[in-house]
Amino acid sequence: MTGEPVLRVVRGNPDDVEVAALTAAVVALASAAGEEKAEPKAPSRWSDRGAMMRAPLRHGPGAWRASAF
């Protein structure tokens, strides 16, 4: 730390509780901004509804046998 204050009260005379609430709000906003920069995770294959769908059946010789596999 450089010793410089991060927050500065320009007007008024806040008490300790008000300064603590302001500090908590600024910290919460700063941490929320850091979370937005994270790349979203790809959905799991377990939750992929498309994997439950059956592939289209191919037609042609032996297709009825292949449909059972």
PDB file of N, CA and C in Angstrom:
ATOM      1  N   MET A   1       0.832  -1.179   0.000  1.00  0.00           N
ATOM      2  CA  MET A   1       0.000   0.000   0.000  1.00  0.00           C
ATOM      3  C   MET A   1       0.875   1.240   0.000  1.00  0.00           C
ATOM      4  N   THR A   2       0.402   2.246  -0.677  1.00  0.00           N
ATOM      5  CA  THR A   2       1.144   3.496  -0.756  1.00  0.00           C
ATOM      6  C   THR A   2       0.792   4.451   0.369  1.00  0.00           C
ATOM      7  N   GLY A   3      -0.228   4.166   1.139  1.00  0.00           N
ATOM      8  CA  GLY A   3      -0.640   5.040   2.220  1.00  0.00           C
ATOM      9  C   GLY A   3      -1.656   6.078   1.798  1.00  0.00           C
ATOM     10  N   GLU A   4      -1.960   6.172   0.508  1.00  0.00           N
ATOM     11  CA  GLU A   4      -2.957   7.113   0.024  1.00  0.00           C
ATOM     12  C   GLU A   4      -4.349   6.547   0.288  1.00  0.00           C
ATOM     13  N   PRO A   5      -5.308   7.383   0.673  1.00  0.00           N
ATOM     14  CA  PRO A   5      -6.663   6.867   0.907  1.00  0.00           C
ATOM     15  C   PRO A   5      -7.331   6.489  -0.415  1.00  0.00           C
ATOM     16  N   VAL A   6      -8.061   5.401  -0.373  1.00  0.00           N
ATOM     17  CA  VAL A   6      -8.784   4.951  -1.560  1.00  0.00           C
ATOM     18  C   VAL A   6     -10.079   5.731  -1.714  1.00  0.00           C
ATOM     19  N   LEU A   7     -10.743   6.017  -0.607  1.00  0.00           N
ATOM     20  CA  LEU A   7     -11.976   6.786  -0.606  1.00  0.00           C
ATOM     21  C   LEU A   7     -11.734   8.113   0.111  1.00  0.00           C
ATOM     22  N   ARG A   8     -12.419   9.144  -0.358  1.00  0.00           N
ATOM     23  CA  ARG A   8     -12.279  10.453   0.277  1.00  0.00           C
ATOM     24  C   ARG A   8     -13.667  11.071   0.384  1.00  0.00           C
ATOM     25  N   VAL A   9     -14.020  11.549   1.564  1.00  0.00           N
ATOM     26  CA  VAL A   9     -15.303  12.205   1.782  1.00  0.00           C
ATOM     27  C   VAL A   9     -15.151  13.666   1.386  1.00  0.00           C
ATOM     28  N   VAL A  10     -15.968  14.110   0.438  1.00  0.00           N
ATOM     29  CA  VAL A  10     -15.870  15.469  -0.074  1.00  0.00           C
ATOM     30  C   VAL A  10     -16.767  16.413   0.718  1.00  0.00           C
ATOM     31  N   ARG A  11     -17.982  15.964   1.031  1.00  0.00           N
ATOM     32  CA  ARG A  11     -18.923  16.795   1.781  1.00  0.00           C
ATOM     33  C   ARG A  11     -19.518  16.006   2.927  1.00  0.00           C
ATOM     34  N   GLY A  12     -19.894  16.692   3.961  1.00  0.00           N
ATOM     35  CA  GLY A  12     -20.576  16.049   5.084  1.00  0.00           C
ATOM     36  C   GLY A  12     -19.602  15.544   6.122  1.00  0.00           C
ATOM     37  N   ASN A  13     -20.158  14.923   7.126  1.00  0.00           N
ATOM     38  CA  ASN A  13     -19.365  14.381   8.220  1.00  0.00           C
ATOM     39  C   ASN A  13     -19.914  12.993   8.558  1.00  0.00           C
ATOM     40  N   PRO A  14     -19.543  11.956   7.779  1.00  0.00           N
ATOM     41  CA  PRO A  14     -20.103  10.615   8.023  1.00  0.00           C
ATOM     42  C   PRO A  14     -19.508   9.992   9.277  1.00  0.00           C
ATOM     43  N   ASP A  15     -20.320   9.186   9.936  1.00  0.00           N
ATOM     44  CA  ASP A  15     -19.794   8.465  11.096  1.00  0.00           C
ATOM     45  C   ASP A  15     -19.155   7.162  10.625  1.00  0.00           C
ATOM     46  N   ASP A  16     -18.650   6.381  11.553  1.00  0.00           N
ATOM     47  CA  ASP A  16     -17.924   5.153  11.204  1.00  0.00           C
ATOM     48  C   ASP A  16     -18.810   4.136  10.490  1.00  0.00           C
ATOM     49  N   VAL A  17     -20.068   4.059  10.865  1.00  0.00           N
ATOM     50  CA  VAL A  17     -20.989   3.099  10.258  1.00  0.00           C
ATOM     51  C   VAL A  17     -21.238   3.451   8.785  1.00  0.00           C
ATOM     52  N   GLU A  18     -21.412   4.724   8.502  1.00  0.00           N
ATOM     53  CA  GLU A  18     -21.646   5.150   7.121  1.00  0.00           C
ATOM     54  C   GLU A  18     -20.420   4.912   6.241  1.00  0.00           C
ATOM     55  N   VAL A  19     -19.236   5.170   6.784  1.00  0.00           N
ATOM     56  CA  VAL A  19     -18.006   4.915   6.025  1.00  0.00           C
ATOM     57  C   VAL A  19     -17.844   3.410   5.791  1.00  0.00           C
ATOM     58  N   ALA A  20     -18.187   2.589   6.767  1.00  0.00           N
ATOM     59  CA  ALA A  20     -18.094   1.133   6.608  1.00  0.00           C
ATOM     60  C   ALA A  20     -19.077   0.640   5.554  1.00  0.00           C
ATOM     61  N   ALA A  21     -20.292   1.205   5.540  1.00  0.00           N
ATOM     62  CA  ALA A  21     -21.279   0.802   4.532  1.00  0.00           C
ATOM     63  C   ALA A  21     -20.820   1.206   3.141  1.00  0.00           C
ATOM     64  N   LEU A  22     -20.259   2.404   3.006  1.00  0.00           N
ATOM     65  CA  LEU A  22     -19.746   2.855   1.716  1.00  0.00           C
ATOM     66  C   LEU A  22     -18.602   1.961   1.245  1.00  0.00           C
ATOM     67  N   THR A  23     -17.699   1.620   2.143  1.00  0.00           N
ATOM     68  CA  THR A  23     -16.575   0.754   1.794  1.00  0.00           C
ATOM     69  C   THR A  23     -17.060  -0.627   1.362  1.00  0.00           C
ATOM     70  N   ALA A  24     -18.039  -1.182   2.067  1.00  0.00           N
ATOM     71  CA  ALA A  24     -18.582  -2.492   1.698  1.00  0.00           C
ATOM     72  C   ALA A  24     -19.234  -2.450   0.327  1.00  0.00           C
ATOM     73  N   ALA A  25     -19.934  -1.356   0.022  1.00  0.00           N
ATOM     74  CA  ALA A  25     -20.582  -1.236  -1.284  1.00  0.00           C
ATOM     75  C   ALA A  25     -19.552  -1.140  -2.400  1.00  0.00           C
ATOM     76  N   VAL A  26     -18.496  -0.384  -2.180  1.00  0.00           N
ATOM     77  CA  VAL A  26     -17.453  -0.239  -3.206  1.00  0.00           C
ATOM     78  C   VAL A  26     -16.728  -1.558  -3.425  1.00  0.00           C
ATOM     79  N   VAL A  27     -16.443  -2.278  -2.349  1.00  0.00           N
ATOM     80  CA  VAL A  27     -15.773  -3.580  -2.470  1.00  0.00           C
ATOM     81  C   VAL A  27     -16.667  -4.577  -3.206  1.00  0.00           C
ATOM     82  N   ALA A  28     -17.965  -4.566  -2.904  1.00  0.00           N
ATOM     83  CA  ALA A  28     -18.896  -5.482  -3.580  1.00  0.00           C
ATOM     84  C   ALA A  28     -18.980  -5.178  -5.067  1.00  0.00           C
ATOM     85  N   LEU A  29     -19.022  -3.911  -5.426  1.00  0.00           N
ATOM     86  CA  LEU A  29     -19.061  -3.543  -6.847  1.00  0.00           C
ATOM     87  C   LEU A  29     -17.769  -3.921  -7.557  1.00  0.00           C
ATOM     88  N   ALA A  30     -16.647  -3.743  -6.883  1.00  0.00           N
ATOM     89  CA  ALA A  30     -15.357  -4.094  -7.493  1.00  0.00           C
ATOM     90  C   ALA A  30     -15.240  -5.604  -7.698  1.00  0.00           C
ATOM     91  N   SER A  31     -15.725  -6.385  -6.742  1.00  0.00           N
ATOM     92  CA  SER A  31     -15.636  -7.840  -6.897  1.00  0.00           C
ATOM     93  C   SER A  31     -16.624  -8.330  -7.951  1.00  0.00           C
ATOM     94  N   ALA A  32     -17.780  -7.680  -8.085  1.00  0.00           N
ATOM     95  CA  ALA A  32     -18.747  -8.069  -9.111  1.00  0.00           C
ATOM     96  C   ALA A  32     -18.208  -7.753 -10.499  1.00  0.00           C
ATOM     97  N   ALA A  33     -17.460  -6.682 -10.633  1.00  0.00           N
ATOM     98  CA  ALA A  33     -16.878  -6.335 -11.935  1.00  0.00           C
ATOM     99  C   ALA A  33     -15.828  -7.359 -12.340  1.00  0.00           C
ATOM    100  N   GLY A  34     -15.123  -7.923 -11.383  1.00  0.00           N
ATOM    101  CA  GLY A  34     -14.127  -8.946 -11.680  1.00  0.00           C
ATOM    102  C   GLY A  34     -14.761 -10.246 -12.133  1.00  0.00           C
ATOM    103  N   GLU A  35     -15.955 -10.545 -11.635  1.00  0.00           N
ATOM    104  CA  GLU A  35     -16.633 -11.780 -12.012  1.00  0.00           C
ATOM    105  C   GLU A  35     -17.158 -11.722 -13.439  1.00  0.00           C
ATOM    106  N   GLU A  36     -17.525 -10.543 -13.925  1.00  0.00           N
ATOM    107  CA  GLU A  36     -18.062 -10.422 -15.273  1.00  0.00           C
ATOM    108  C   GLU A  36     -17.006 -10.706 -16.331  1.00  0.00           C
ATOM    109  N   LYS A  37     -15.757 -10.488 -15.999  1.00  0.00           N
ATOM    110  CA  LYS A  37     -14.684 -10.691 -16.969  1.00  0.00           C
ATOM    111  C   LYS A  37     -14.348 -12.157 -17.160  1.00  0.00           C
ATOM    112  N   ALA A  38     -14.751 -13.008 -16.230  1.00  0.00           N
ATOM    113  CA  ALA A  38     -14.480 -14.433 -16.351  1.00  0.00           C
ATOM    114  C   ALA A  38     -15.291 -15.012 -17.500  1.00  0.00           C
ATOM    115  N   GLU A  39     -14.662 -15.898 -18.256  1.00  0.00           N
ATOM    116  CA  GLU A  39     -15.350 -16.509 -19.386  1.00  0.00           C
ATOM    117  C   GLU A  39     -16.368 -17.523 -18.872  1.00  0.00           C
ATOM    118  N   PRO A  40     -17.534 -17.560 -19.477  1.00  0.00           N
ATOM    119  CA  PRO A  40     -18.536 -18.528 -19.031  1.00  0.00           C
ATOM    120  C   PRO A  40     -18.088 -19.956 -19.353  1.00  0.00           C
ATOM    121  N   LYS A  41     -18.436 -20.860 -18.445  1.00  0.00           N
ATOM    122  CA  LYS A  41     -18.069 -22.257 -18.653  1.00  0.00           C
ATOM    123  C   LYS A  41     -19.007 -22.901 -19.670  1.00  0.00           C
ATOM    124  N   ALA A  42     -18.480 -23.836 -20.421  1.00  0.00           N
ATOM    125  CA  ALA A  42     -19.295 -24.574 -21.371  1.00  0.00           C
ATOM    126  C   ALA A  42     -20.234 -25.500 -20.601  1.00  0.00           C
ATOM    127  N   PRO A  43     -21.452 -25.697 -21.093  1.00  0.00           N
ATOM    128  CA  PRO A  43     -22.369 -26.594 -20.382  1.00  0.00           C
ATOM    129  C   PRO A  43     -21.847 -28.027 -20.365  1.00  0.00           C
ATOM    130  N   SER A  44     -22.173 -28.718 -19.318  1.00  0.00           N
ATOM    131  CA  SER A  44     -21.735 -30.095 -19.164  1.00  0.00           C
ATOM    132  C   SER A  44     -22.453 -30.994 -20.170  1.00  0.00           C
ATOM    133  N   ARG A  45     -21.789 -32.064 -20.582  1.00  0.00           N
ATOM    134  CA  ARG A  45     -22.430 -33.024 -21.492  1.00  0.00           C
ATOM    135  C   ARG A  45     -23.581 -33.734 -20.785  1.00  0.00           C
ATOM    136  N   TRP A  46     -23.537 -33.808 -19.456  1.00  0.00           N
ATOM    137  CA  TRP A  46     -24.610 -34.464 -18.717  1.00  0.00           C
ATOM    138  C   TRP A  46     -25.901 -33.665 -18.808  1.00  0.00           C
ATOM    139  N   SER A  47     -25.805 -32.352 -18.945  1.00  0.00           N
ATOM    140  CA  SER A  47     -27.010 -31.530 -19.009  1.00  0.00           C
ATOM    141  C   SER A  47     -27.405 -31.185 -20.439  1.00  0.00           C
ATOM    142  N   ASP A  48     -26.703 -31.731 -21.421  1.00  0.00           N
ATOM    143  CA  ASP A  48     -26.994 -31.444 -22.821  1.00  0.00           C
ATOM    144  C   ASP A  48     -28.218 -32.248 -23.256  1.00  0.00           C
ATOM    145  N   ARG A  49     -29.331 -31.551 -23.507  1.00  0.00           N
ATOM    146  CA  ARG A  49     -30.566 -32.223 -23.913  1.00  0.00           C
ATOM    147  C   ARG A  49     -30.454 -32.785 -25.324  1.00  0.00           C
ATOM    148  N   GLY A  50     -29.607 -32.226 -26.146  1.00  0.00           N
ATOM    149  CA  GLY A  50     -29.436 -32.723 -27.503  1.00  0.00           C
ATOM    150  C   GLY A  50     -28.837 -34.117 -27.557  1.00  0.00           C
ATOM    151  N   ALA A  51     -28.085 -34.479 -26.508  1.00  0.00           N
ATOM    152  CA  ALA A  51     -27.489 -35.812 -26.467  1.00  0.00           C
ATOM    153  C   ALA A  51     -28.543 -36.895 -26.261  1.00  0.00           C
ATOM    154  N   MET A  52     -29.716 -36.519 -25.727  1.00  0.00           N
ATOM    155  CA  MET A  52     -30.784 -37.497 -25.517  1.00  0.00           C
ATOM    156  C   MET A  52     -31.538 -37.820 -26.807  1.00  0.00           C
ATOM    157  N   MET A  53     -31.382 -36.986 -27.796  1.00  0.00           N
ATOM    158  CA  MET A  53     -32.104 -37.201 -29.049  1.00  0.00           C
ATOM    159  C   MET A  53     -31.427 -38.288 -29.873  1.00  0.00           C
ATOM    160  N   ARG A  54     -32.229 -39.107 -30.474  1.00  0.00           N
ATOM    161  CA  ARG A  54     -31.692 -40.170 -31.307  1.00  0.00           C
ATOM    162  C   ARG A  54     -31.258 -39.599 -32.640  1.00  0.00           C
ATOM    163  N   ALA A  55     -30.190 -40.119 -33.183  1.00  0.00           N
ATOM    164  CA  ALA A  55     -29.716 -39.692 -34.498  1.00  0.00           C
ATOM    165  C   ALA A  55     -30.711 -40.156 -35.554  1.00  0.00           C
ATOM    166  N   PRO A  56     -30.819 -39.441 -36.655  1.00  0.00           N
ATOM    167  CA  PRO A  56     -31.747 -39.874 -37.697  1.00  0.00           C
ATOM    168  C   PRO A  56     -31.356 -41.244 -38.255  1.00  0.00           C
ATOM    169  N   LEU A  57     -32.360 -42.021 -38.580  1.00  0.00           N
ATOM    170  CA  LEU A  57     -32.106 -43.359 -39.110  1.00  0.00           C
ATOM    171  C   LEU A  57     -31.705 -43.266 -40.568  1.00  0.00           C
ATOM    172  N   ARG A  58     -30.698 -44.004 -40.924  1.00  0.00           N
ATOM    173  CA  ARG A  58     -30.230 -44.059 -42.312  1.00  0.00           C
ATOM    174  C   ARG A  58     -31.029 -45.121 -43.054  1.00  0.00           C
ATOM    175  N   HIS A  59     -31.336 -44.855 -44.276  1.00  0.00           N
ATOM    176  CA  HIS A  59     -32.062 -45.852 -45.048  1.00  0.00           C
ATOM    177  C   HIS A  59     -31.111 -46.494 -46.047  1.00  0.00           C
ATOM    178  N   GLY A  60     -31.445 -47.667 -46.433  1.00  0.00           N
ATOM    179  CA  GLY A  60     -30.625 -48.403 -47.380  1.00  0.00           C
ATOM    180  C   GLY A  60     -30.501 -49.849 -46.951  1.00  0.00           C
ATOM    181  N   PRO A  61     -29.678 -50.613 -47.662  1.00  0.00           N
ATOM    182  CA  PRO A  61     -29.507 -52.018 -47.323  1.00  0.00           C
ATOM    183  C   PRO A  61     -28.947 -52.194 -45.913  1.00  0.00           C
ATOM    184  N   GLY A  62     -29.586 -53.019 -45.120  1.00  0.00           N
ATOM    185  CA  GLY A  62     -29.143 -53.313 -43.764  1.00  0.00           C
ATOM    186  C   GLY A  62     -29.471 -52.220 -42.753  1.00  0.00           C
ATOM    187  N   ALA A  63     -30.263 -51.235 -43.133  1.00  0.00           N
ATOM    188  CA  ALA A  63     -30.568 -50.126 -42.237  1.00  0.00           C
ATOM    189  C   ALA A  63     -31.403 -50.593 -41.047  1.00  0.00           C
ATOM    190  N   TRP A  64     -32.312 -51.547 -41.274  1.00  0.00           N
ATOM    191  CA  TRP A  64     -33.146 -52.006 -40.180  1.00  0.00           C
ATOM    192  C   TRP A  64     -32.298 -52.672 -39.106  1.00  0.00           C
ATOM    193  N   ARG A  65     -31.247 -53.362 -39.515  1.00  0.00           N
ATOM    194  CA  ARG A  65     -30.363 -54.018 -38.546  1.00  0.00           C
ATOM    195  C   ARG A  65     -29.538 -52.980 -37.790  1.00  0.00           C
ATOM    196  N   ALA A  66     -29.056 -51.955 -38.497  1.00  0.00           N
ATOM    197  CA  ALA A  66     -28.243 -50.919 -37.869  1.00  0.00           C
ATOM    198  C   ALA A  66     -29.065 -50.087 -36.903  1.00  0.00           C
ATOM    199  N   SER A  67     -30.399 -50.026 -37.105  1.00  0.00           N
ATOM    200  CA  SER A  67     -31.216 -49.220 -36.218  1.00  0.00           C
ATOM    201  C   SER A  67     -31.310 -49.823 -34.827  1.00  0.00           C
ATOM    202  N   ALA A  68     -31.042 -51.104 -34.695  1.00  0.00           N
ATOM    203  CA  ALA A  68     -31.093 -51.745 -33.401  1.00  0.00           C
ATOM    204  C   ALA A  68     -29.809 -51.490 -32.595  1.00  0.00           C
ATOM    205  N   PHE A  69     -28.790 -51.028 -33.236  1.00  0.00           N
ATOM    206  CA  PHE A  69     -27.519 -50.782 -32.530  1.00  0.00           C
ATOM    207  C   PHE A  69     -27.521 -49.398 -32.044  1.00  0.00           C
TER     208      PHE A  69
END
